[in-house]
Amino acid sequence: MILCLGVLQIASGQASTDTMIRFPAEWEPHELTFMQWPQYWKENAKVQAEIATVAKAIADYERVVMLVSPDQMENAQSQLQHRNILIEQIAVDDLWARDTMPSFRYENTNIRL
């Protein structure tokens, strides 16, 4: 993962045009939060209950997208009942979304993955 709190400027390939690339800080305004459902932890039930609590607390203020492995869908759905939580089925193997998901960045004023 790349964490960049400042601004990086690179040439766009044209002599007269620059592209401004910026990775937004975690505390900047955003529309939603991505999370991943844990499944391989020693005390898995306890960890899942804690992640569900965190997700619901965030969902009181903004949308949450929870990425869940296929074999954990029923479990996650039973614990993540909230109008602002969207559960998406995808193979994940850890709860650290920040370390395993793509980074979002701005190129000029457009958000990019």
N, C-alpha and C. Protein backbone atom coordinates (compact mmCIF):
# COMPACT_ATOMS: atom_id res chain seq x y z
N MET A 1 0.83 -1.17 0.00
CA MET A 1 0.00 0.00 0.00
C MET A 1 0.88 1.24 0.00
N ILE A 2 0.41 2.24 -0.68
CA ILE A 2 1.13 3.52 -0.72
C ILE A 2 0.35 4.51 0.13
N LEU A 3 1.00 5.09 1.07
CA LEU A 3 0.38 6.14 1.88
C LEU A 3 1.11 7.43 1.54
N CYS A 4 0.36 8.38 1.03
CA CYS A 4 0.96 9.65 0.63
C CYS A 4 0.09 10.77 1.15
N LEU A 5 0.61 11.56 2.05
CA LEU A 5 -0.16 12.65 2.62
C LEU A 5 0.04 13.96 1.88
N GLY A 6 0.95 13.97 0.95
CA GLY A 6 1.23 15.19 0.20
C GLY A 6 0.76 15.07 -1.22
N VAL A 7 1.46 15.76 -2.11
CA VAL A 7 1.09 15.80 -3.52
C VAL A 7 2.29 15.36 -4.33
N LEU A 8 2.04 14.54 -5.33
CA LEU A 8 3.07 14.08 -6.24
C LEU A 8 2.72 14.60 -7.62
N GLN A 9 3.65 15.19 -8.30
CA GLN A 9 3.40 15.72 -9.63
C GLN A 9 4.27 14.97 -10.62
N ILE A 10 3.64 14.42 -11.68
CA ILE A 10 4.39 13.70 -12.69
C ILE A 10 4.07 14.24 -14.07
N ALA A 11 5.00 14.05 -14.98
CA ALA A 11 4.76 14.45 -16.37
C ALA A 11 3.78 13.48 -17.00
N SER A 12 2.88 13.99 -17.80
CA SER A 12 1.86 13.15 -18.43
C SER A 12 2.30 12.61 -19.78
N GLY A 13 3.50 12.89 -20.20
CA GLY A 13 3.95 12.43 -21.50
C GLY A 13 3.93 13.53 -22.54
N GLN A 14 3.28 14.63 -22.22
CA GLN A 14 3.24 15.79 -23.11
C GLN A 14 4.03 16.91 -22.45
N ALA A 15 4.84 17.57 -23.21
CA ALA A 15 5.74 18.59 -22.66
C ALA A 15 4.99 19.71 -21.96
N SER A 16 3.80 20.05 -22.40
CA SER A 16 3.11 21.22 -21.87
C SER A 16 2.05 20.89 -20.81
N THR A 17 1.85 19.60 -20.50
CA THR A 17 0.78 19.22 -19.58
C THR A 17 1.33 18.38 -18.44
N ASP A 18 0.94 18.71 -17.22
CA ASP A 18 1.27 17.89 -16.05
C ASP A 18 -0.01 17.32 -15.48
N THR A 19 0.11 16.16 -14.89
CA THR A 19 -1.00 15.55 -14.19
C THR A 19 -0.68 15.60 -12.71
N MET A 20 -1.59 16.11 -11.91
CA MET A 20 -1.42 16.18 -10.46
C MET A 20 -2.03 14.90 -9.87
N ILE A 21 -1.22 14.12 -9.15
CA ILE A 21 -1.68 12.90 -8.51
C ILE A 21 -1.59 13.10 -7.00
N ARG A 22 -2.69 12.77 -6.32
CA ARG A 22 -2.72 12.95 -4.86
C ARG A 22 -3.48 11.80 -4.24
N PHE A 23 -2.91 11.21 -3.20
CA PHE A 23 -3.58 10.17 -2.44
C PHE A 23 -4.24 10.84 -1.24
N PRO A 24 -5.57 10.78 -1.15
CA PRO A 24 -6.26 11.46 -0.05
C PRO A 24 -5.92 10.83 1.30
N ALA A 25 -5.84 11.67 2.30
CA ALA A 25 -5.59 11.19 3.67
C ALA A 25 -6.83 10.49 4.21
N GLU A 26 -6.64 9.60 5.15
CA GLU A 26 -7.75 8.83 5.71
C GLU A 26 -8.83 9.70 6.34
N TRP A 27 -8.46 10.87 6.85
CA TRP A 27 -9.41 11.72 7.57
C TRP A 27 -10.15 12.67 6.64
N GLU A 28 -9.81 12.69 5.35
CA GLU A 28 -10.51 13.59 4.43
C GLU A 28 -11.95 13.10 4.21
N PRO A 29 -12.84 14.02 3.87
CA PRO A 29 -14.23 13.61 3.59
C PRO A 29 -14.27 12.54 2.50
N HIS A 30 -15.15 11.56 2.68
CA HIS A 30 -15.30 10.48 1.72
C HIS A 30 -16.73 9.97 1.76
N GLU A 31 -17.10 9.17 0.77
CA GLU A 31 -18.47 8.72 0.64
C GLU A 31 -18.75 7.42 1.36
N LEU A 32 -17.76 6.54 1.46
CA LEU A 32 -18.00 5.24 2.07
C LEU A 32 -16.69 4.64 2.56
N THR A 33 -16.83 3.56 3.32
CA THR A 33 -15.67 2.85 3.86
C THR A 33 -15.74 1.41 3.41
N PHE A 34 -14.61 0.89 2.93
CA PHE A 34 -14.48 -0.52 2.60
C PHE A 34 -13.90 -1.26 3.81
N MET A 35 -14.48 -2.43 4.10
CA MET A 35 -13.95 -3.29 5.16
C MET A 35 -13.95 -4.72 4.63
N GLN A 36 -13.20 -5.59 5.30
CA GLN A 36 -13.16 -7.01 4.95
C GLN A 36 -13.52 -7.85 6.17
N TRP A 37 -14.31 -8.89 5.93
CA TRP A 37 -14.79 -9.75 7.00
C TRP A 37 -13.72 -10.77 7.38
N PRO A 38 -13.37 -10.85 8.68
CA PRO A 38 -12.33 -11.78 9.13
C PRO A 38 -12.82 -13.23 9.10
N GLN A 39 -11.89 -14.14 8.85
CA GLN A 39 -12.27 -15.55 8.87
C GLN A 39 -11.21 -16.51 9.38
N TYR A 40 -9.97 -16.09 9.50
CA TYR A 40 -8.91 -17.02 9.91
C TYR A 40 -8.22 -16.62 11.20
N TRP A 41 -8.94 -16.00 12.10
CA TRP A 41 -8.34 -15.55 13.35
C TRP A 41 -8.52 -16.62 14.43
N LYS A 42 -7.60 -16.65 15.39
CA LYS A 42 -7.65 -17.65 16.46
C LYS A 42 -8.99 -17.60 17.21
N GLU A 43 -9.40 -16.41 17.59
CA GLU A 43 -10.68 -16.23 18.27
C GLU A 43 -11.66 -15.59 17.28
N ASN A 44 -11.96 -16.32 16.22
CA ASN A 44 -12.68 -15.76 15.08
C ASN A 44 -14.05 -15.17 15.46
N ALA A 45 -14.83 -15.88 16.25
CA ALA A 45 -16.17 -15.38 16.60
C ALA A 45 -16.07 -14.03 17.32
N LYS A 46 -15.12 -13.90 18.22
CA LYS A 46 -14.93 -12.65 18.95
C LYS A 46 -14.49 -11.53 18.01
N VAL A 47 -13.55 -11.83 17.13
CA VAL A 47 -13.05 -10.83 16.18
C VAL A 47 -14.18 -10.40 15.24
N GLN A 48 -14.97 -11.35 14.75
CA GLN A 48 -16.08 -11.01 13.86
C GLN A 48 -17.11 -10.13 14.58
N ALA A 49 -17.41 -10.43 15.83
CA ALA A 49 -18.35 -9.60 16.59
C ALA A 49 -17.83 -8.18 16.74
N GLU A 50 -16.53 -8.03 16.98
CA GLU A 50 -15.94 -6.69 17.11
C GLU A 50 -15.97 -5.95 15.77
N ILE A 51 -15.65 -6.63 14.69
CA ILE A 51 -15.69 -5.99 13.37
C ILE A 51 -17.13 -5.59 13.03
N ALA A 52 -18.09 -6.41 13.37
CA ALA A 52 -19.50 -6.06 13.13
C ALA A 52 -19.88 -4.80 13.92
N THR A 53 -19.41 -4.69 15.14
CA THR A 53 -19.68 -3.50 15.96
C THR A 53 -19.07 -2.25 15.33
N VAL A 54 -17.83 -2.37 14.88
CA VAL A 54 -17.17 -1.23 14.22
C VAL A 54 -17.91 -0.84 12.94
N ALA A 55 -18.25 -1.83 12.12
CA ALA A 55 -18.94 -1.55 10.86
C ALA A 55 -20.28 -0.85 11.10
N LYS A 56 -21.03 -1.30 12.07
CA LYS A 56 -22.32 -0.67 12.37
C LYS A 56 -22.15 0.75 12.90
N ALA A 57 -21.11 0.98 13.69
CA ALA A 57 -20.85 2.34 14.19
C ALA A 57 -20.52 3.27 13.03
N ILE A 58 -19.70 2.82 12.11
CA ILE A 58 -19.37 3.64 10.93
C ILE A 58 -20.62 3.84 10.08
N ALA A 59 -21.41 2.79 9.93
CA ALA A 59 -22.61 2.85 9.09
C ALA A 59 -23.68 3.80 9.62
N ASP A 60 -23.59 4.18 10.86
CA ASP A 60 -24.50 5.21 11.39
C ASP A 60 -24.23 6.57 10.75
N TYR A 61 -23.06 6.74 10.13
CA TYR A 61 -22.65 8.03 9.56
C TYR A 61 -22.37 7.99 8.06
N GLU A 62 -22.02 6.83 7.52
CA GLU A 62 -21.72 6.71 6.09
C GLU A 62 -21.90 5.25 5.66
N ARG A 63 -21.93 5.04 4.36
CA ARG A 63 -22.08 3.69 3.83
C ARG A 63 -20.81 2.87 4.08
N VAL A 64 -21.01 1.57 4.29
CA VAL A 64 -19.92 0.63 4.47
C VAL A 64 -20.09 -0.49 3.44
N VAL A 65 -19.01 -0.82 2.74
CA VAL A 65 -19.00 -1.99 1.86
C VAL A 65 -18.13 -3.03 2.55
N MET A 66 -18.75 -4.15 2.93
CA MET A 66 -18.03 -5.23 3.60
C MET A 66 -17.77 -6.32 2.57
N LEU A 67 -16.49 -6.62 2.35
CA LEU A 67 -16.09 -7.68 1.43
C LEU A 67 -16.01 -8.97 2.22
N VAL A 68 -16.69 -10.00 1.71
CA VAL A 68 -16.85 -11.24 2.47
C VAL A 68 -16.58 -12.44 1.55
N SER A 69 -15.80 -13.40 2.05
CA SER A 69 -15.56 -14.63 1.30
C SER A 69 -16.85 -15.43 1.19
N PRO A 70 -17.00 -16.19 0.09
CA PRO A 70 -18.25 -16.93 -0.13
C PRO A 70 -18.67 -17.82 1.04
N ASP A 71 -17.72 -18.49 1.68
CA ASP A 71 -18.08 -19.39 2.78
C ASP A 71 -18.45 -18.66 4.07
N GLN A 72 -18.32 -17.35 4.11
CA GLN A 72 -18.66 -16.56 5.29
C GLN A 72 -19.90 -15.69 5.08
N MET A 73 -20.55 -15.79 3.92
CA MET A 73 -21.67 -14.90 3.60
C MET A 73 -22.80 -14.98 4.63
N GLU A 74 -23.26 -16.19 4.94
CA GLU A 74 -24.37 -16.33 5.89
C GLU A 74 -24.01 -15.74 7.25
N ASN A 75 -22.83 -16.04 7.71
CA ASN A 75 -22.35 -15.54 8.99
C ASN A 75 -22.31 -14.01 9.00
N ALA A 76 -21.73 -13.44 7.97
CA ALA A 76 -21.63 -11.97 7.90
C ALA A 76 -23.01 -11.33 7.79
N GLN A 77 -23.87 -11.89 6.97
CA GLN A 77 -25.21 -11.33 6.81
C GLN A 77 -25.98 -11.33 8.12
N SER A 78 -25.79 -12.36 8.93
CA SER A 78 -26.51 -12.43 10.21
C SER A 78 -26.01 -11.39 11.21
N GLN A 79 -24.74 -10.97 11.09
CA GLN A 79 -24.16 -10.04 12.05
C GLN A 79 -24.12 -8.59 11.56
N LEU A 80 -24.36 -8.38 10.28
CA LEU A 80 -24.17 -7.04 9.70
C LEU A 80 -25.48 -6.45 9.19
N GLN A 81 -26.54 -6.63 9.91
CA GLN A 81 -27.82 -6.09 9.48
C GLN A 81 -27.91 -4.61 9.82
N HIS A 82 -27.74 -3.80 8.78
CA HIS A 82 -27.79 -2.34 8.91
C HIS A 82 -28.11 -1.77 7.54
N ARG A 83 -28.93 -0.75 7.49
CA ARG A 83 -29.35 -0.18 6.20
C ARG A 83 -28.20 0.40 5.39
N ASN A 84 -27.10 0.78 6.03
CA ASN A 84 -25.97 1.39 5.34
C ASN A 84 -24.80 0.43 5.10
N ILE A 85 -25.01 -0.86 5.33
CA ILE A 85 -23.95 -1.84 5.08
C ILE A 85 -24.32 -2.69 3.87
N LEU A 86 -23.45 -2.65 2.88
CA LEU A 86 -23.60 -3.47 1.68
C LEU A 86 -22.57 -4.59 1.77
N ILE A 87 -23.03 -5.82 1.66
CA ILE A 87 -22.14 -6.98 1.72
C ILE A 87 -21.88 -7.47 0.30
N GLU A 88 -20.61 -7.52 -0.05
CA GLU A 88 -20.20 -7.97 -1.38
C GLU A 88 -19.39 -9.25 -1.25
N GLN A 89 -19.76 -10.26 -2.02
CA GLN A 89 -19.05 -11.54 -1.98
C GLN A 89 -17.81 -11.49 -2.88
N ILE A 90 -16.68 -11.72 -2.26
CA ILE A 90 -15.40 -11.77 -2.98
C ILE A 90 -14.40 -12.51 -2.09
N ALA A 91 -13.50 -13.25 -2.69
CA ALA A 91 -12.52 -13.99 -1.91
C ALA A 91 -11.57 -13.02 -1.19
N VAL A 92 -11.59 -13.05 0.11
CA VAL A 92 -10.65 -12.28 0.94
C VAL A 92 -10.09 -13.24 1.97
N ASP A 93 -8.88 -12.96 2.45
CA ASP A 93 -8.29 -13.87 3.43
C ASP A 93 -7.81 -13.16 4.69
N ASP A 94 -8.14 -11.90 4.82
CA ASP A 94 -7.74 -11.17 6.02
C ASP A 94 -8.67 -9.98 6.19
N LEU A 95 -8.69 -9.39 7.35
CA LEU A 95 -9.57 -8.25 7.59
C LEU A 95 -8.90 -6.92 7.29
N TRP A 96 -7.63 -6.89 6.95
CA TRP A 96 -6.90 -5.65 6.76
C TRP A 96 -7.12 -5.09 5.36
N ALA A 97 -8.27 -4.48 5.13
CA ALA A 97 -8.60 -3.92 3.82
C ALA A 97 -7.57 -2.87 3.39
N ARG A 98 -7.13 -2.08 4.31
CA ARG A 98 -6.17 -1.02 3.98
C ARG A 98 -4.88 -1.58 3.39
N ASP A 99 -4.47 -2.76 3.86
CA ASP A 99 -3.23 -3.36 3.39
C ASP A 99 -3.40 -4.21 2.14
N THR A 100 -4.61 -4.65 1.83
CA THR A 100 -4.79 -5.59 0.74
C THR A 100 -5.64 -5.07 -0.42
N MET A 101 -6.32 -3.99 -0.23
CA MET A 101 -7.16 -3.42 -1.30
C MET A 101 -6.36 -2.44 -2.14
N PRO A 102 -6.85 -2.17 -3.34
CA PRO A 102 -6.21 -1.11 -4.15
C PRO A 102 -6.32 0.24 -3.45
N SER A 103 -5.43 1.13 -3.78
CA SER A 103 -5.47 2.50 -3.25
C SER A 103 -6.24 3.39 -4.21
N PHE A 104 -6.96 4.34 -3.65
CA PHE A 104 -7.66 5.33 -4.45
C PHE A 104 -6.80 6.59 -4.49
N ARG A 105 -6.84 7.28 -5.61
CA ARG A 105 -6.06 8.50 -5.75
C ARG A 105 -6.82 9.48 -6.62
N TYR A 106 -6.44 10.72 -6.54
CA TYR A 106 -6.96 11.75 -7.43
C TYR A 106 -5.95 12.02 -8.52
N GLU A 107 -6.42 12.08 -9.75
CA GLU A 107 -5.63 12.59 -10.87
C GLU A 107 -6.33 13.86 -11.30
N ASN A 108 -5.68 14.98 -11.01
CA ASN A 108 -6.32 16.29 -11.14
C ASN A 108 -7.56 16.28 -10.26
N THR A 109 -8.75 16.34 -10.78
CA THR A 109 -9.95 16.34 -9.94
C THR A 109 -10.72 15.03 -10.02
N ASN A 110 -10.21 14.03 -10.74
CA ASN A 110 -10.91 12.75 -10.92
C ASN A 110 -10.35 11.68 -9.99
N ILE A 111 -11.25 10.94 -9.35
CA ILE A 111 -10.82 9.84 -8.49
C ILE A 111 -10.48 8.63 -9.35
N ARG A 112 -9.40 7.95 -9.02
CA ARG A 112 -8.96 6.78 -9.77
C ARG A 112 -8.64 5.66 -8.79
N LEU A 113 -8.69 4.45 -9.27
CA LEU A 113 -8.35 3.27 -8.49
C LEU A 113 -6.92 2.90 -8.76
